[in-house]
């Protein structure tokens, strides 16, 4: 398939979870013979922290300052595309969606990687900058990073006709077991960008355990943490963690924590990419609880589930052998079910099941049917 994507960023992993996901998916798509073009606005805060200049697998990254500069080229590529995707938080989302929907692309899709945020803004009556004014009814397929009742609300509130979850994933070529490094050594680590609606859970599951175990070492990696964050004497901080450093970060911990943003946890069925990254790196994970967690990992045997501070403190007291057993089970499940390649094959199946309403290209339709059946 020829695939065109309009996204937030793939070139910089600073302060966002989109880039790492797109890199893994683009590599997997290319490995299956698909050709990807990714359009990204060249924002200053990403250009100064850029840690990728070419798409993995040989796709093409198009950086631009103003959408008008590339609208002509984008329009031509869309008319030749088998699959075109506009995404949440794309800074030119409305213009990109308008161009996409007016094109002859074979399948016109919208992928909301931030569905709970989108729905919360709609509930509050606030404008959603990346959504078409008319909603999502014109798209052939609407994908959501969050499953469960979020899928129903995308239909009811935005008129989406066909919705399907496209959950997070991991690229095993990037995230895998590596040797521990002293600079990242920790009894409990947490990797994630600061988010206010994660703070209550983070304080209960990370900050308070650090207070109760002053002889242990705790480590946070991520961006945008405020000056008034409740640091403890035994908590250490790494400001920015590019994806190439993630395996060493995870593998230098006895245990790592996954905390889900409150808006996502309220909908359930919301595994973060970090959850799969840690598991693929062979590190035991303790995670906050939300509906549907057991659809991805078995609590107690493939990860440790925590609702309270006491749950995390108890997990920290487990033996190395017990933690290793959990880590090995999670890594096996992740490599079998939660890789970028697994999601790519799932996406191929979705595309193969849809009628081609755009170009009507019989060769493209045949290719979709072939990859969907493989």
Protein backbone atom coordinates (compact mmCIF):
# COMPACT_ATOMS: atom_id res chain seq x y z
CA UNK A 1 0.00 0.00 0.00
CA UNK A 2 1.00 3.60 -0.53
CA UNK A 3 0.29 5.30 2.79
CA UNK A 4 0.19 9.03 3.58
CA UNK A 5 0.11 10.19 7.23
CA UNK A 6 -0.39 13.67 8.69
CA UNK A 7 0.83 13.56 12.30
CA UNK A 8 2.05 15.49 15.31
CA UNK A 9 5.67 14.33 15.09
CA UNK A 10 7.82 11.35 14.26
CA UNK A 11 11.13 13.25 14.25
CA UNK A 12 11.31 14.21 17.94
CA UNK A 13 10.43 12.14 21.01
CA UNK A 14 10.60 15.17 23.31
CA UNK A 15 7.49 15.59 25.46
CA UNK A 16 5.21 13.30 23.45
CA UNK A 17 4.41 9.63 23.05
CA UNK A 18 3.52 9.79 19.36
CA UNK A 19 7.02 9.74 17.86
CA UNK A 20 8.18 6.41 19.25
CA UNK A 21 4.94 4.75 18.20
CA UNK A 22 5.12 6.06 14.65
CA UNK A 23 8.74 4.99 14.26
CA UNK A 24 7.92 1.41 15.17
CA UNK A 25 4.83 1.30 12.98
CA UNK A 26 6.61 2.84 9.98
CA UNK A 27 9.37 0.23 10.27
CA UNK A 28 6.83 -2.59 10.44
CA UNK A 29 4.79 -1.19 7.55
CA UNK A 30 7.92 -0.97 5.40
CA UNK A 31 8.87 -4.54 6.30
CA UNK A 32 5.54 -5.64 4.85
CA UNK A 33 6.17 -3.83 1.58
CA UNK A 34 4.17 -0.66 2.24
CA UNK A 35 5.50 2.78 1.28
CA UNK A 36 4.96 5.49 3.91
CA UNK A 37 5.08 9.28 3.59
CA UNK A 38 4.76 11.20 6.85
CA UNK A 39 3.98 14.93 6.88
CA UNK A 40 5.10 16.84 9.99
CA UNK A 41 5.13 20.55 10.74
CA UNK A 42 8.68 21.65 11.58
CA UNK A 43 7.89 23.08 15.02
CA UNK A 44 10.79 24.80 16.82
CA UNK A 45 10.39 22.76 20.02
CA UNK A 46 10.78 19.56 17.99
CA UNK A 47 13.49 20.77 15.62
CA UNK A 48 15.75 21.61 18.57
CA UNK A 49 15.25 18.13 20.07
CA UNK A 50 15.15 16.14 16.82
CA UNK A 51 16.44 12.59 17.21
CA UNK A 52 15.33 11.18 13.85
CA UNK A 53 15.72 12.54 10.31
CA UNK A 54 14.63 9.59 8.17
CA UNK A 55 11.73 7.19 8.62
CA UNK A 56 12.75 3.69 9.69
CA UNK A 57 12.44 1.20 6.89
CA UNK A 58 12.96 3.64 4.06
CA UNK A 59 9.79 5.74 4.15
CA UNK A 60 9.81 9.47 3.55
CA UNK A 61 9.54 12.24 6.13
CA UNK A 62 8.32 15.60 4.84
CA UNK A 63 9.01 18.52 7.19
CA UNK A 64 7.33 21.84 6.44
CA UNK A 65 6.90 25.26 8.03
CA UNK A 66 3.49 26.14 6.56
CA UNK A 67 0.96 23.62 5.29
CA UNK A 68 0.40 25.66 2.13
CA UNK A 69 4.00 24.86 1.14
CA UNK A 70 3.24 21.16 0.82
CA UNK A 71 -0.47 21.06 0.08
CA UNK A 72 0.13 20.61 -3.65
CA UNK A 73 2.53 17.70 -3.19
CA UNK A 74 0.36 16.22 -0.46
CA UNK A 75 -2.68 16.39 -2.71
CA UNK A 76 -0.89 14.51 -5.48
CA UNK A 77 0.30 11.82 -3.07
CA UNK A 78 -3.16 11.49 -1.58
CA UNK A 79 -4.70 10.92 -4.99
CA UNK A 80 -2.29 8.02 -5.48
CA UNK A 81 -2.58 6.67 -1.92
CA UNK A 82 -4.21 3.40 -0.94
CA UNK A 83 -4.51 4.57 2.68
CA UNK A 84 -4.46 8.15 3.99
CA UNK A 85 -4.49 8.94 7.73
CA UNK A 86 -5.09 12.22 9.55
CA UNK A 87 -4.26 12.07 13.25
CA UNK A 88 -5.04 13.76 16.55
CA UNK A 89 -2.88 16.71 17.58
CA UNK A 90 -1.68 17.20 14.03
CA UNK A 91 -1.08 20.97 14.13
CA UNK A 92 -2.65 21.35 10.68
CA UNK A 93 -5.35 18.76 11.36
CA UNK A 94 -8.29 20.61 9.85
CA UNK A 95 -6.47 21.54 6.64
CA UNK A 96 -4.98 18.06 6.30
CA UNK A 97 -8.35 16.38 6.87
CA UNK A 98 -10.03 18.66 4.35
CA UNK A 99 -7.37 17.85 1.73
CA UNK A 100 -7.53 14.14 2.54
CA UNK A 101 -11.32 13.90 2.40
CA UNK A 102 -11.39 15.75 -0.91
CA UNK A 103 -8.81 13.42 -2.48
CA UNK A 104 -9.10 10.13 -4.36
CA UNK A 105 -7.30 8.16 -1.64
CA UNK A 106 -8.46 4.55 -1.52
CA UNK A 107 -9.21 4.51 2.22
CA UNK A 108 -9.59 7.73 4.19
CA UNK A 109 -8.91 7.26 7.89
CA UNK A 110 -8.64 9.26 11.07
CA UNK A 111 -6.51 7.95 13.94
CA UNK A 112 -7.14 9.44 17.37
CA UNK A 113 -4.15 8.64 19.54
CA UNK A 114 -5.69 10.84 22.26
CA UNK A 115 -9.36 9.81 22.25
CA UNK A 116 -10.12 10.58 25.94
CA UNK A 117 -8.66 14.07 25.51
CA UNK A 118 -10.77 14.60 22.39
CA UNK A 119 -13.95 13.43 24.12
CA UNK A 120 -13.25 15.48 27.25
CA UNK A 121 -12.86 18.64 25.17
CA UNK A 122 -16.12 17.93 23.38
CA UNK A 123 -17.86 17.33 26.71
CA UNK A 124 -16.58 20.68 27.97
CA UNK A 125 -17.80 22.43 24.83
CA UNK A 126 -14.26 23.36 23.86
CA UNK A 127 -13.10 23.37 20.23
CA UNK A 128 -10.89 20.49 19.12
CA UNK A 129 -8.32 22.02 16.80
CA UNK A 130 -7.43 18.85 14.90
CA UNK A 131 -10.98 17.66 14.14
CA UNK A 132 -12.93 18.56 11.00
CA UNK A 133 -15.82 20.91 11.84
CA UNK A 134 -18.29 18.36 10.49
CA UNK A 135 -16.95 15.54 12.67
CA UNK A 136 -15.73 12.14 11.53
CA UNK A 137 -18.65 10.86 9.45
CA UNK A 138 -16.88 11.27 6.12
CA UNK A 139 -13.97 9.00 7.01
CA UNK A 140 -14.04 5.38 5.84
CA UNK A 141 -12.36 4.27 9.06
CA UNK A 142 -11.80 5.85 12.47
CA UNK A 143 -9.07 4.29 14.61
CA UNK A 144 -8.74 4.87 18.33
CA UNK A 145 -5.76 4.34 20.63
CA UNK A 146 -8.34 3.73 23.40
CA UNK A 147 -10.95 0.97 23.21
CA UNK A 148 -14.01 0.19 25.31
CA UNK A 149 -16.77 2.78 25.53
CA UNK A 150 -14.57 5.35 23.79
CA UNK A 151 -15.40 3.62 20.51
CA UNK A 152 -19.13 4.07 21.09
CA UNK A 153 -18.67 7.73 21.93
CA UNK A 154 -16.72 8.36 18.72
CA UNK A 155 -19.78 7.13 16.87
CA UNK A 156 -22.34 8.97 18.96
CA UNK A 157 -20.57 12.30 19.35
CA UNK A 158 -18.63 12.58 16.11
CA UNK A 159 -20.63 10.46 13.70
CA UNK A 160 -17.89 7.94 12.97
CA UNK A 161 -19.30 5.15 10.81
CA UNK A 162 -16.63 2.47 11.22
CA UNK A 163 -14.50 2.49 14.36
CA UNK A 164 -11.82 0.10 15.56
CA UNK A 165 -9.13 0.19 18.25
CA UNK A 166 -5.51 0.39 17.20
CA UNK A 167 -3.80 -0.07 20.55
CA UNK A 168 -0.24 0.86 21.43
CA UNK A 169 2.69 -1.33 20.42
CA UNK A 170 6.42 -1.75 20.71
CA UNK A 171 9.25 -2.07 18.19
CA UNK A 172 11.43 -4.98 19.44
CA UNK A 173 14.34 -3.64 17.38
CA UNK A 174 14.39 -0.58 19.63
CA UNK A 175 13.18 -2.03 22.94
CA UNK A 176 14.89 -5.22 24.09
CA UNK A 177 17.02 -6.41 27.04
CA UNK A 178 20.37 -4.64 27.41
CA UNK A 179 23.02 -4.37 30.10
CA UNK A 180 22.20 -2.22 33.12
CA UNK A 181 23.89 1.19 33.44
CA UNK A 182 24.85 2.74 36.76
CA UNK A 183 23.47 6.18 35.84
CA UNK A 184 19.99 4.66 35.54
CA UNK A 185 20.21 2.31 38.51
CA UNK A 186 16.98 2.20 40.53
CA UNK A 187 14.81 -0.02 42.66
CA UNK A 188 11.78 1.58 41.01
CA UNK A 189 11.77 3.70 37.86
CA UNK A 190 9.10 5.64 36.03
CA UNK A 191 9.35 6.92 32.46
CA UNK A 192 6.79 9.43 31.26
CA UNK A 193 6.13 13.06 30.37
CA UNK A 194 4.57 15.05 33.19
CA UNK A 195 0.78 15.28 33.04
CA UNK A 196 -1.42 16.91 35.67
CA UNK A 197 -4.09 14.23 35.37
CA UNK A 198 -1.49 11.57 36.19
CA UNK A 199 -0.15 13.33 39.26
CA UNK A 200 -2.48 11.91 41.92
CA UNK A 201 -1.73 8.35 40.86
CA UNK A 202 1.99 9.09 40.47
CA UNK A 203 2.19 10.46 44.01
CA UNK A 204 0.42 7.40 45.43
CA UNK A 205 2.34 4.81 43.42
CA UNK A 206 5.77 6.43 43.18
CA UNK A 207 6.35 9.42 45.46
CA UNK A 208 4.86 7.88 48.61
CA UNK A 209 6.69 4.53 48.17
CA UNK A 210 9.91 6.58 47.87
CA UNK A 211 9.11 8.26 51.19
CA UNK A 212 8.43 4.91 52.84
CA UNK A 213 11.59 3.27 51.50
CA UNK A 214 14.29 5.92 52.04
CA UNK A 215 17.04 3.32 51.62
CA UNK A 216 15.95 2.55 48.07
CA UNK A 217 16.71 4.49 44.90
CA UNK A 218 13.88 5.88 42.73
CA UNK A 219 14.29 7.34 39.22
CA UNK A 220 12.01 9.42 36.98
CA UNK A 221 12.72 10.07 33.30
CA UNK A 222 10.71 12.54 31.25
CA UNK A 223 10.01 16.12 30.25
CA UNK A 224 7.98 19.07 31.54
CA UNK A 225 8.11 18.31 35.28
CA UNK A 226 7.28 21.46 37.28
CA UNK A 227 9.55 23.04 39.89
CA UNK A 228 7.04 22.21 42.63
CA UNK A 229 7.02 18.46 41.93
CA UNK A 230 7.27 16.66 45.32
CA UNK A 231 10.79 15.30 44.96
CA UNK A 232 12.22 13.16 47.74
CA UNK A 233 15.86 12.83 48.77
CA UNK A 234 16.08 9.36 47.21
CA UNK A 235 14.39 10.30 43.92
CA UNK A 236 16.58 11.09 40.91
CA UNK A 237 15.60 12.67 37.61
CA UNK A 238 16.63 12.45 33.95
CA UNK A 239 15.08 15.31 31.99
CA UNK A 240 14.84 13.84 28.49
CA UNK A 241 15.00 10.22 27.44
CA UNK A 242 15.29 9.62 23.68
CA UNK A 243 14.04 6.17 22.58
CA UNK A 244 17.55 4.81 22.10
CA UNK A 245 18.07 5.22 25.87
CA UNK A 246 14.81 3.57 26.94
CA UNK A 247 16.10 -0.02 27.13
CA UNK A 248 19.02 0.95 29.37
CA UNK A 249 16.70 3.05 31.51
CA UNK A 250 14.28 0.15 32.01
CA UNK A 251 16.90 -2.58 32.33
CA UNK A 252 18.72 -0.74 35.10
CA UNK A 253 15.68 -1.06 37.41
CA UNK A 254 14.50 -3.97 39.55
CA UNK A 255 10.96 -2.80 38.82
CA UNK A 256 9.39 -0.09 36.66
CA UNK A 257 6.07 1.70 37.08
CA UNK A 258 3.35 2.33 34.51
CA UNK A 259 0.88 5.12 35.32
CA UNK A 260 -1.97 5.98 32.97
CA UNK A 261 -3.35 9.49 32.51
CA UNK A 262 -6.59 9.91 34.42
CA UNK A 263 -8.61 10.79 31.32
CA UNK A 264 -7.50 7.57 29.63
CA UNK A 265 -7.89 5.37 32.71
CA UNK A 266 -11.49 6.53 33.08
CA UNK A 267 -12.30 4.98 29.70
CA UNK A 268 -10.26 1.80 30.20
CA UNK A 269 -8.71 -0.34 27.46
CA UNK A 270 -5.84 2.14 27.28
CA UNK A 271 -2.40 0.47 27.31
CA UNK A 272 0.39 3.00 26.94
CA UNK A 273 3.32 2.41 24.63
CA UNK A 274 5.57 2.61 27.70
CA UNK A 275 3.88 -0.48 29.15
CA UNK A 276 4.84 -2.56 26.12
CA UNK A 277 8.31 -0.98 25.89
CA UNK A 278 9.18 -1.97 29.44
CA UNK A 279 7.81 -5.48 28.99
CA UNK A 280 9.73 -5.97 25.74
CA UNK A 281 12.89 -4.83 27.55
CA UNK A 282 12.46 -7.72 29.97
CA UNK A 283 11.72 -5.61 33.05
CA UNK A 284 8.98 -6.41 35.58
CA UNK A 285 6.18 -3.84 35.50
CA UNK A 286 3.88 -2.64 38.25
CA UNK A 287 0.91 -0.82 36.73
CA UNK A 288 -2.05 1.19 37.88
CA UNK A 289 -5.40 -0.53 37.38
CA UNK A 290 -8.00 0.25 34.74
CA UNK A 291 -10.78 -1.63 32.98
CA UNK A 292 -9.43 -3.94 30.31
CA UNK A 293 -5.89 -4.23 31.66
CA UNK A 294 -6.31 -7.99 31.82
CA UNK A 295 -6.97 -8.02 28.05
CA UNK A 296 -3.29 -7.21 27.51
CA UNK A 297 -1.50 -8.82 30.47
CA UNK A 298 -2.54 -11.19 33.25
CA UNK A 299 -2.23 -9.35 36.58
CA UNK A 300 -0.15 -11.32 39.03
CA UNK A 301 1.69 -13.42 36.47
CA UNK A 302 2.57 -11.07 33.58
CA UNK A 303 2.58 -7.82 35.52
CA UNK A 304 1.95 -6.55 39.03
CA UNK A 305 -1.20 -4.47 39.48
CA UNK A 306 -1.35 -1.65 42.02
CA UNK A 307 -4.22 0.39 43.39
CA UNK A 308 -2.47 1.72 46.49
CA UNK A 309 0.91 2.71 47.88
CA UNK A 310 0.96 -0.53 49.85
CA UNK A 311 0.67 -2.55 46.63
CA UNK A 312 3.83 -0.92 45.26
CA UNK A 313 5.72 -1.32 48.52
CA UNK A 314 4.76 -5.00 48.53
CA UNK A 315 5.98 -5.38 44.94
CA UNK A 316 9.32 -3.82 45.89
CA UNK A 317 9.68 -6.52 48.53
CA UNK A 318 9.37 -9.43 46.10
CA UNK A 319 12.42 -11.58 45.47
CA UNK A 320 14.53 -11.23 42.34
CA UNK A 321 13.31 -14.67 41.22
CA UNK A 322 9.65 -13.65 41.53
CA UNK A 323 10.21 -10.42 39.63
CA UNK A 324 12.18 -12.24 36.93
CA UNK A 325 9.31 -14.70 36.43
CA UNK A 326 6.86 -11.84 35.90
CA UNK A 327 9.21 -10.07 33.51
CA UNK A 328 9.82 -13.15 31.38
CA UNK A 329 6.09 -13.86 31.07
CA UNK A 330 5.33 -10.28 30.06
CA UNK A 331 8.10 -10.19 27.45
CA UNK A 332 6.85 -13.43 25.91
CA UNK A 333 3.29 -12.08 25.69
CA UNK A 334 4.45 -8.76 24.29
CA UNK A 335 6.55 -10.27 21.52
CA UNK A 336 3.67 -12.55 20.56
CA UNK A 337 0.83 -10.01 20.59
CA UNK A 338 1.86 -6.37 21.10
CA UNK A 339 4.53 -5.54 18.54
CA UNK A 340 4.34 -2.97 15.78
CA UNK A 341 4.31 -5.86 13.31
CA UNK A 342 1.28 -7.40 15.01
CA UNK A 343 -0.56 -4.07 14.82
CA UNK A 344 0.47 -3.65 11.18
CA UNK A 345 -1.04 -6.99 10.26
CA UNK A 346 -4.20 -6.09 12.18
CA UNK A 347 -4.41 -2.78 10.27
CA UNK A 348 -3.95 -4.61 6.99
CA UNK A 349 -6.90 -6.81 7.89
CA UNK A 350 -9.07 -3.80 8.68
CA UNK A 351 -8.19 -2.18 5.37
CA UNK A 352 -8.87 -5.37 3.43
CA UNK A 353 -12.36 -5.53 4.91
CA UNK A 354 -13.33 -2.04 3.73
CA UNK A 355 -14.78 -1.07 0.36
CA UNK A 356 -12.53 1.25 -1.63
CA UNK A 357 -14.51 4.47 -1.96
CA UNK A 358 -11.73 6.62 -3.38
CA UNK A 359 -9.69 5.84 -6.47
CA UNK A 360 -11.28 2.46 -7.04
CA UNK A 361 -7.85 1.20 -8.09
CA UNK A 362 -8.22 -2.55 -8.70
CA UNK A 363 -4.50 -3.13 -8.25
CA UNK A 364 -4.59 -1.43 -4.87
CA UNK A 365 -7.66 -3.42 -3.86
CA UNK A 366 -5.92 -6.62 -4.84
CA UNK A 367 -2.86 -5.68 -2.77
CA UNK A 368 -5.02 -4.92 0.25
CA UNK A 369 -6.72 -8.27 0.00
CA UNK A 370 -3.35 -10.03 -0.32
CA UNK A 371 -1.72 -8.42 2.72
CA UNK A 372 -4.89 -8.78 4.74
CA UNK A 373 -4.92 -12.50 4.17
CA UNK A 374 -1.20 -13.00 4.93
